[in-house]
Amino acid sequence: MTFHPSKAQSKFPAADIQAISETNKQYGEAFAKNDSSAFLDCYAPDGCILMQGAPALCGQKALLLFYKGAYKTGMRNIVFTSINWYGYDGQFVTEQGTYQQFDAGNNPIGAGKYLVVWQKVARGWRMLRDMFNADGMPKMK
C-alpha cells in the first residue's frame, strides 16, 4: 500500500496506518491464496460492501458471495493506494484511495477508486463500509 502525505494524516498514528496497511495487504493475499476466511477477516462483524450497480452486501454470507464472485472473474490480487484520511477519532477513520486488480499472471484486470470507513474492533482495524467503483469513460449520447 502506498500512502500520500496529507495534513489530516498527521493526527493519525503511524501504528494505526501500519495496521490498516496490513489488513489491506491481507485482503489482496486472500485472493492469491484462495482464502475466503482471510478475506472475511478484513471486515468488521457488521461490514458491508457498497459497489456500483448492486445492493449493499452486508454480513458474512453476503461478503462471501462477493469474494467468490470476484475470485471467479480471475482476480488474484488487489493493490490499494491511499490518497487521504478523514475523521480519525481513535475508533473510526475514512480512507480515500485507488485500487488496481490483477489476475494470476499479475496482469492488470481493473482499476478504480474507493472510500473505506475503518472501525477499530477487538482484533484491530477492520472495514466497516467498503465503497468503490471502477474507472471507465462515461458513455456520451
N, C-alpha and C. Protein backbone atom coordinates (compact mmCIF):
# COMPACT_ATOMS: atom_id res chain seq x y z
N MET A 1 0.84 -1.16 0.00
CA MET A 1 0.00 0.00 0.00
C MET A 1 0.89 1.23 0.00
N THR A 2 0.52 2.21 -0.79
CA THR A 2 1.26 3.46 -0.87
C THR A 2 0.45 4.54 -0.17
N PHE A 3 1.13 5.41 0.54
CA PHE A 3 0.45 6.50 1.22
C PHE A 3 0.98 7.83 0.71
N HIS A 4 0.09 8.77 0.51
CA HIS A 4 0.47 10.12 0.14
C HIS A 4 0.24 10.99 1.37
N PRO A 5 1.20 11.86 1.69
CA PRO A 5 1.06 12.67 2.89
C PRO A 5 -0.11 13.63 2.79
N SER A 6 -0.70 13.92 3.92
CA SER A 6 -1.77 14.91 4.00
C SER A 6 -1.74 15.54 5.37
N LYS A 7 -2.34 16.70 5.49
CA LYS A 7 -2.41 17.36 6.80
C LYS A 7 -3.22 16.53 7.79
N ALA A 8 -4.29 15.90 7.32
CA ALA A 8 -5.14 15.09 8.20
C ALA A 8 -4.38 13.90 8.75
N GLN A 9 -3.46 13.38 7.97
CA GLN A 9 -2.73 12.19 8.38
C GLN A 9 -1.84 12.45 9.59
N SER A 10 -1.42 13.70 9.83
CA SER A 10 -0.52 13.99 10.93
C SER A 10 -1.14 13.64 12.28
N LYS A 11 -2.47 13.59 12.38
CA LYS A 11 -3.16 13.22 13.62
C LYS A 11 -3.41 11.72 13.69
N PHE A 12 -3.07 11.01 12.66
CA PHE A 12 -3.35 9.59 12.54
C PHE A 12 -2.07 8.82 12.87
N PRO A 13 -2.01 8.12 14.01
CA PRO A 13 -0.77 7.45 14.43
C PRO A 13 -0.23 6.46 13.40
N ALA A 14 1.07 6.46 13.25
CA ALA A 14 1.73 5.58 12.29
C ALA A 14 1.39 4.11 12.55
N ALA A 15 1.23 3.74 13.82
CA ALA A 15 0.89 2.34 14.14
C ALA A 15 -0.47 1.96 13.58
N ASP A 16 -1.42 2.89 13.59
CA ASP A 16 -2.75 2.61 13.03
C ASP A 16 -2.68 2.54 11.50
N ILE A 17 -1.90 3.42 10.88
CA ILE A 17 -1.72 3.36 9.43
C ILE A 17 -1.12 2.02 9.05
N GLN A 18 -0.13 1.57 9.80
CA GLN A 18 0.53 0.28 9.52
C GLN A 18 -0.46 -0.87 9.68
N ALA A 19 -1.29 -0.82 10.71
CA ALA A 19 -2.27 -1.88 10.95
C ALA A 19 -3.27 -1.96 9.79
N ILE A 20 -3.72 -0.83 9.31
CA ILE A 20 -4.65 -0.81 8.17
C ILE A 20 -3.93 -1.31 6.92
N SER A 21 -2.69 -0.91 6.74
CA SER A 21 -1.90 -1.39 5.61
C SER A 21 -1.80 -2.91 5.61
N GLU A 22 -1.60 -3.49 6.77
CA GLU A 22 -1.52 -4.95 6.89
C GLU A 22 -2.85 -5.61 6.54
N THR A 23 -3.95 -5.01 6.97
CA THR A 23 -5.27 -5.57 6.64
C THR A 23 -5.51 -5.47 5.13
N ASN A 24 -5.14 -4.35 4.52
CA ASN A 24 -5.29 -4.22 3.06
C ASN A 24 -4.42 -5.23 2.33
N LYS A 25 -3.23 -5.48 2.83
CA LYS A 25 -2.34 -6.48 2.22
C LYS A 25 -2.97 -7.87 2.34
N GLN A 26 -3.55 -8.17 3.51
CA GLN A 26 -4.22 -9.45 3.73
C GLN A 26 -5.37 -9.64 2.75
N TYR A 27 -6.09 -8.57 2.45
CA TYR A 27 -7.20 -8.59 1.50
C TYR A 27 -6.72 -9.11 0.15
N GLY A 28 -5.63 -8.51 -0.36
CA GLY A 28 -5.09 -8.95 -1.65
C GLY A 28 -4.57 -10.38 -1.61
N GLU A 29 -3.88 -10.73 -0.52
CA GLU A 29 -3.33 -12.08 -0.38
C GLU A 29 -4.43 -13.13 -0.29
N ALA A 30 -5.59 -12.75 0.23
CA ALA A 30 -6.70 -13.70 0.33
C ALA A 30 -7.09 -14.22 -1.05
N PHE A 31 -7.00 -13.37 -2.07
CA PHE A 31 -7.31 -13.80 -3.43
C PHE A 31 -6.18 -14.66 -3.99
N ALA A 32 -4.94 -14.28 -3.72
CA ALA A 32 -3.80 -15.06 -4.22
C ALA A 32 -3.80 -16.47 -3.63
N LYS A 33 -4.24 -16.60 -2.39
CA LYS A 33 -4.23 -17.89 -1.69
C LYS A 33 -5.57 -18.62 -1.75
N ASN A 34 -6.58 -17.98 -2.40
CA ASN A 34 -7.94 -18.53 -2.42
C ASN A 34 -8.40 -18.83 -0.99
N ASP A 35 -8.28 -17.82 -0.13
CA ASP A 35 -8.57 -17.96 1.30
C ASP A 35 -9.70 -17.01 1.70
N SER A 36 -10.92 -17.49 1.59
CA SER A 36 -12.08 -16.65 1.90
C SER A 36 -12.12 -16.25 3.38
N SER A 37 -11.58 -17.06 4.27
CA SER A 37 -11.54 -16.71 5.69
C SER A 37 -10.68 -15.48 5.93
N ALA A 38 -9.53 -15.41 5.25
CA ALA A 38 -8.66 -14.24 5.38
C ALA A 38 -9.36 -13.00 4.84
N PHE A 39 -10.10 -13.15 3.75
CA PHE A 39 -10.87 -12.05 3.18
C PHE A 39 -11.91 -11.56 4.19
N LEU A 40 -12.70 -12.48 4.73
CA LEU A 40 -13.75 -12.10 5.67
C LEU A 40 -13.18 -11.43 6.92
N ASP A 41 -11.97 -11.82 7.32
CA ASP A 41 -11.34 -11.24 8.50
C ASP A 41 -10.98 -9.77 8.31
N CYS A 42 -10.98 -9.29 7.08
CA CYS A 42 -10.67 -7.88 6.80
C CYS A 42 -11.84 -6.96 7.15
N TYR A 43 -13.00 -7.53 7.41
CA TYR A 43 -14.20 -6.74 7.65
C TYR A 43 -14.64 -6.82 9.11
N ALA A 44 -15.25 -5.73 9.57
CA ALA A 44 -15.89 -5.70 10.88
C ALA A 44 -17.06 -6.70 10.85
N PRO A 45 -17.51 -7.17 12.01
CA PRO A 45 -18.60 -8.15 12.04
C PRO A 45 -19.85 -7.72 11.26
N ASP A 46 -20.14 -6.42 11.25
CA ASP A 46 -21.31 -5.93 10.51
C ASP A 46 -20.88 -5.15 9.26
N GLY A 47 -19.76 -5.57 8.67
CA GLY A 47 -19.22 -4.91 7.50
C GLY A 47 -20.12 -5.03 6.27
N CYS A 48 -20.01 -4.04 5.39
CA CYS A 48 -20.78 -4.01 4.15
C CYS A 48 -19.89 -3.58 2.99
N ILE A 49 -20.15 -4.16 1.83
CA ILE A 49 -19.54 -3.72 0.58
C ILE A 49 -20.62 -2.97 -0.18
N LEU A 50 -20.27 -1.77 -0.63
CA LEU A 50 -21.18 -0.91 -1.37
C LEU A 50 -20.56 -0.65 -2.74
N MET A 51 -20.90 -1.49 -3.70
CA MET A 51 -20.31 -1.35 -5.03
C MET A 51 -21.34 -0.86 -6.03
N GLN A 52 -20.83 -0.33 -7.12
CA GLN A 52 -21.72 0.21 -8.15
C GLN A 52 -22.58 -0.89 -8.76
N GLY A 53 -23.81 -0.54 -9.04
CA GLY A 53 -24.69 -1.45 -9.76
C GLY A 53 -25.22 -2.63 -8.96
N ALA A 54 -25.12 -2.57 -7.63
CA ALA A 54 -25.57 -3.69 -6.81
C ALA A 54 -26.10 -3.16 -5.47
N PRO A 55 -26.99 -3.93 -4.84
CA PRO A 55 -27.43 -3.53 -3.50
C PRO A 55 -26.27 -3.72 -2.51
N ALA A 56 -26.40 -3.11 -1.35
CA ALA A 56 -25.39 -3.27 -0.29
C ALA A 56 -25.26 -4.75 0.07
N LEU A 57 -24.02 -5.20 0.20
CA LEU A 57 -23.74 -6.58 0.60
C LEU A 57 -23.24 -6.53 2.04
N CYS A 58 -24.09 -6.89 2.97
CA CYS A 58 -23.77 -6.76 4.39
C CYS A 58 -23.79 -8.13 5.08
N GLY A 59 -22.85 -8.32 5.99
CA GLY A 59 -22.78 -9.56 6.74
C GLY A 59 -21.90 -10.59 6.07
N GLN A 60 -21.51 -11.59 6.82
CA GLN A 60 -20.55 -12.60 6.37
C GLN A 60 -21.00 -13.35 5.11
N LYS A 61 -22.27 -13.74 5.04
CA LYS A 61 -22.74 -14.50 3.87
C LYS A 61 -22.67 -13.67 2.60
N ALA A 62 -23.09 -12.41 2.69
CA ALA A 62 -23.06 -11.53 1.52
C ALA A 62 -21.62 -11.21 1.12
N LEU A 63 -20.75 -10.98 2.10
CA LEU A 63 -19.35 -10.71 1.80
C LEU A 63 -18.70 -11.91 1.13
N LEU A 64 -19.06 -13.10 1.57
CA LEU A 64 -18.53 -14.31 0.97
C LEU A 64 -18.99 -14.46 -0.48
N LEU A 65 -20.23 -14.10 -0.77
CA LEU A 65 -20.72 -14.12 -2.15
C LEU A 65 -19.90 -13.17 -3.03
N PHE A 66 -19.59 -11.99 -2.49
CA PHE A 66 -18.76 -11.05 -3.24
C PHE A 66 -17.39 -11.66 -3.52
N TYR A 67 -16.77 -12.23 -2.49
CA TYR A 67 -15.44 -12.83 -2.65
C TYR A 67 -15.45 -13.90 -3.74
N LYS A 68 -16.42 -14.79 -3.66
CA LYS A 68 -16.49 -15.88 -4.64
C LYS A 68 -16.69 -15.33 -6.05
N GLY A 69 -17.51 -14.30 -6.19
CA GLY A 69 -17.73 -13.69 -7.50
C GLY A 69 -16.48 -13.04 -8.05
N ALA A 70 -15.77 -12.30 -7.20
CA ALA A 70 -14.53 -11.65 -7.63
C ALA A 70 -13.47 -12.69 -8.00
N TYR A 71 -13.38 -13.74 -7.20
CA TYR A 71 -12.42 -14.80 -7.48
C TYR A 71 -12.73 -15.48 -8.81
N LYS A 72 -14.01 -15.68 -9.05
CA LYS A 72 -14.45 -16.34 -10.28
C LYS A 72 -14.11 -15.50 -11.52
N THR A 73 -14.07 -14.18 -11.38
CA THR A 73 -13.71 -13.32 -12.51
C THR A 73 -12.22 -13.38 -12.81
N GLY A 74 -11.43 -14.00 -11.94
CA GLY A 74 -9.99 -14.12 -12.18
C GLY A 74 -9.14 -13.23 -11.31
N MET A 75 -9.73 -12.48 -10.41
CA MET A 75 -8.94 -11.61 -9.55
C MET A 75 -8.09 -12.45 -8.60
N ARG A 76 -6.77 -12.16 -8.59
CA ARG A 76 -5.86 -12.89 -7.71
C ARG A 76 -5.01 -11.97 -6.86
N ASN A 77 -5.19 -10.66 -7.03
CA ASN A 77 -4.52 -9.70 -6.16
C ASN A 77 -5.17 -8.35 -6.38
N ILE A 78 -5.06 -7.51 -5.38
CA ILE A 78 -5.52 -6.13 -5.48
C ILE A 78 -4.54 -5.28 -4.68
N VAL A 79 -4.17 -4.15 -5.24
CA VAL A 79 -3.23 -3.24 -4.59
C VAL A 79 -3.96 -1.93 -4.33
N PHE A 80 -3.91 -1.49 -3.08
CA PHE A 80 -4.56 -0.26 -2.66
C PHE A 80 -3.53 0.85 -2.51
N THR A 81 -3.88 2.04 -2.97
CA THR A 81 -3.04 3.22 -2.79
C THR A 81 -3.87 4.27 -2.06
N SER A 82 -3.51 4.54 -0.83
CA SER A 82 -4.22 5.55 -0.03
C SER A 82 -3.86 6.94 -0.53
N ILE A 83 -4.88 7.79 -0.61
CA ILE A 83 -4.67 9.18 -1.02
C ILE A 83 -4.84 10.11 0.18
N ASN A 84 -5.83 9.82 1.03
CA ASN A 84 -6.07 10.69 2.18
C ASN A 84 -6.87 9.95 3.25
N TRP A 85 -6.87 10.53 4.42
CA TRP A 85 -7.60 10.01 5.59
C TRP A 85 -8.47 11.12 6.14
N TYR A 86 -9.66 10.77 6.62
CA TYR A 86 -10.59 11.77 7.14
C TYR A 86 -11.22 11.29 8.44
N GLY A 87 -11.39 12.21 9.38
CA GLY A 87 -12.19 11.97 10.57
C GLY A 87 -11.63 11.01 11.59
N TYR A 88 -10.33 10.82 11.65
CA TYR A 88 -9.75 9.89 12.64
C TYR A 88 -10.11 10.32 14.05
N ASP A 89 -10.68 9.37 14.82
CA ASP A 89 -11.01 9.66 16.22
C ASP A 89 -10.56 8.55 17.17
N GLY A 90 -9.73 7.64 16.69
CA GLY A 90 -9.26 6.54 17.50
C GLY A 90 -10.08 5.27 17.35
N GLN A 91 -11.34 5.41 16.94
CA GLN A 91 -12.20 4.25 16.72
C GLN A 91 -12.61 4.12 15.26
N PHE A 92 -12.73 5.24 14.57
CA PHE A 92 -13.12 5.24 13.16
C PHE A 92 -12.20 6.15 12.38
N VAL A 93 -12.02 5.83 11.10
CA VAL A 93 -11.33 6.70 10.16
C VAL A 93 -11.81 6.32 8.77
N THR A 94 -11.86 7.29 7.87
CA THR A 94 -12.24 7.04 6.49
C THR A 94 -11.01 7.19 5.61
N GLU A 95 -10.80 6.20 4.77
CA GLU A 95 -9.68 6.19 3.84
C GLU A 95 -10.19 6.42 2.43
N GLN A 96 -9.52 7.30 1.68
CA GLN A 96 -9.80 7.51 0.27
C GLN A 96 -8.60 7.01 -0.50
N GLY A 97 -8.85 6.30 -1.60
CA GLY A 97 -7.73 5.82 -2.38
C GLY A 97 -8.12 5.28 -3.74
N THR A 98 -7.15 4.65 -4.36
CA THR A 98 -7.35 4.00 -5.65
C THR A 98 -6.93 2.54 -5.52
N TYR A 99 -7.40 1.72 -6.45
CA TYR A 99 -7.02 0.31 -6.43
C TYR A 99 -6.70 -0.17 -7.84
N GLN A 100 -5.90 -1.22 -7.90
CA GLN A 100 -5.62 -1.94 -9.13
C GLN A 100 -5.81 -3.41 -8.85
N GLN A 101 -6.52 -4.11 -9.75
CA GLN A 101 -6.76 -5.54 -9.63
C GLN A 101 -5.88 -6.27 -10.64
N PHE A 102 -5.44 -7.49 -10.24
CA PHE A 102 -4.55 -8.28 -11.09
C PHE A 102 -5.03 -9.73 -11.17
N ASP A 103 -4.71 -10.36 -12.29
CA ASP A 103 -5.03 -11.78 -12.45
C ASP A 103 -3.85 -12.62 -11.97
N ALA A 104 -3.91 -13.94 -12.18
CA ALA A 104 -2.88 -14.85 -11.69
C ALA A 104 -1.52 -14.58 -12.32
N GLY A 105 -1.47 -14.02 -13.52
CA GLY A 105 -0.22 -13.68 -14.18
C GLY A 105 0.26 -12.29 -13.86
N ASN A 106 -0.36 -11.64 -12.86
CA ASN A 106 -0.06 -10.28 -12.43
C ASN A 106 -0.34 -9.25 -13.53
N ASN A 107 -1.29 -9.59 -14.42
CA ASN A 107 -1.74 -8.65 -15.44
C ASN A 107 -2.88 -7.82 -14.88
N PRO A 108 -2.89 -6.50 -15.14
CA PRO A 108 -3.98 -5.68 -14.64
C PRO A 108 -5.32 -6.06 -15.27
N ILE A 109 -6.34 -6.17 -14.45
CA ILE A 109 -7.68 -6.51 -14.96
C ILE A 109 -8.74 -5.49 -14.53
N GLY A 110 -8.34 -4.50 -13.74
CA GLY A 110 -9.29 -3.49 -13.31
C GLY A 110 -8.61 -2.44 -12.45
N ALA A 111 -9.26 -1.28 -12.38
CA ALA A 111 -8.76 -0.19 -11.55
C ALA A 111 -9.95 0.69 -11.16
N GLY A 112 -9.80 1.39 -10.07
CA GLY A 112 -10.88 2.27 -9.64
C GLY A 112 -10.49 3.07 -8.42
N LYS A 113 -11.51 3.58 -7.76
CA LYS A 113 -11.31 4.38 -6.55
C LYS A 113 -12.22 3.87 -5.45
N TYR A 114 -11.87 4.23 -4.20
CA TYR A 114 -12.64 3.71 -3.07
C TYR A 114 -12.66 4.68 -1.91
N LEU A 115 -13.65 4.49 -1.07
CA LEU A 115 -13.73 5.06 0.26
C LEU A 115 -14.01 3.90 1.21
N VAL A 116 -13.24 3.80 2.26
CA VAL A 116 -13.48 2.77 3.27
C VAL A 116 -13.59 3.44 4.62
N VAL A 117 -14.68 3.14 5.34
CA VAL A 117 -14.80 3.54 6.73
C VAL A 117 -14.24 2.39 7.55
N TRP A 118 -13.13 2.64 8.23
CA TRP A 118 -12.48 1.65 9.08
C TRP A 118 -12.97 1.80 10.51
N GLN A 119 -13.12 0.67 11.17
CA GLN A 119 -13.50 0.65 12.58
C GLN A 119 -12.47 -0.17 13.35
N LYS A 120 -12.07 0.35 14.49
CA LYS A 120 -11.15 -0.40 15.34
C LYS A 120 -11.97 -1.32 16.23
N VAL A 121 -11.82 -2.62 16.01
CA VAL A 121 -12.54 -3.63 16.77
C VAL A 121 -11.51 -4.42 17.59
N ALA A 122 -11.96 -5.40 18.33
CA ALA A 122 -11.07 -6.15 19.22
C ALA A 122 -9.86 -6.74 18.49
N ARG A 123 -10.04 -7.18 17.25
CA ARG A 123 -8.92 -7.80 16.52
C ARG A 123 -8.16 -6.81 15.64
N GLY A 124 -8.44 -5.52 15.77
CA GLY A 124 -7.70 -4.49 15.04
C GLY A 124 -8.60 -3.69 14.10
N TRP A 125 -7.98 -2.94 13.20
CA TRP A 125 -8.73 -2.13 12.24
C TRP A 125 -9.35 -3.01 11.16
N ARG A 126 -10.67 -2.88 10.99
CA ARG A 126 -11.40 -3.66 10.00
C ARG A 126 -12.35 -2.74 9.22
N MET A 127 -12.67 -3.16 8.01
CA MET A 127 -13.55 -2.37 7.15
C MET A 127 -15.00 -2.48 7.63
N LEU A 128 -15.57 -1.33 7.91
CA LEU A 128 -16.98 -1.28 8.30
C LEU A 128 -17.85 -1.05 7.06
N ARG A 129 -17.44 -0.09 6.23
CA ARG A 129 -18.12 0.18 4.96
C ARG A 129 -17.06 0.32 3.89
N ASP A 130 -17.22 -0.44 2.82
CA ASP A 130 -16.26 -0.51 1.72
C ASP A 130 -16.99 -0.12 0.45
N MET A 131 -16.77 1.11 -0.01
CA MET A 131 -17.47 1.60 -1.20
C MET A 131 -16.44 1.87 -2.29
N PHE A 132 -16.71 1.33 -3.48
CA PHE A 132 -15.76 1.50 -4.58
C PHE A 132 -16.49 1.48 -5.90
N ASN A 133 -15.81 2.01 -6.91
CA ASN A 133 -16.32 1.88 -8.27
C ASN A 133 -15.15 1.89 -9.24
N ALA A 134 -15.38 1.21 -10.36
CA ALA A 134 -14.34 1.04 -11.37
C ALA A 134 -14.18 2.30 -12.20
N ASP A 135 -12.96 2.54 -12.64
CA ASP A 135 -12.70 3.64 -13.55
C ASP A 135 -13.20 3.25 -14.93
N GLY A 136 -13.54 4.22 -15.68
CA GLY A 136 -14.00 3.99 -17.04
C GLY A 136 -14.55 5.28 -17.60
N MET A 137 -14.60 5.33 -18.86
CA MET A 137 -15.11 6.51 -19.53
C MET A 137 -16.64 6.46 -19.57
N PRO A 138 -17.29 7.54 -19.17
CA PRO A 138 -18.76 7.54 -19.27
C PRO A 138 -19.18 7.55 -20.74
N LYS A 139 -20.28 6.89 -21.02
CA LYS A 139 -20.81 6.85 -22.38
C LYS A 139 -21.58 8.15 -22.64
N MET A 140 -21.24 8.79 -23.72
CA MET A 140 -21.91 10.04 -24.10
C MET A 140 -22.96 9.75 -25.15
N LYS A 141 -24.08 10.43 -25.04
CA LYS A 141 -25.15 10.26 -26.04
C LYS A 141 -25.04 11.31 -27.10
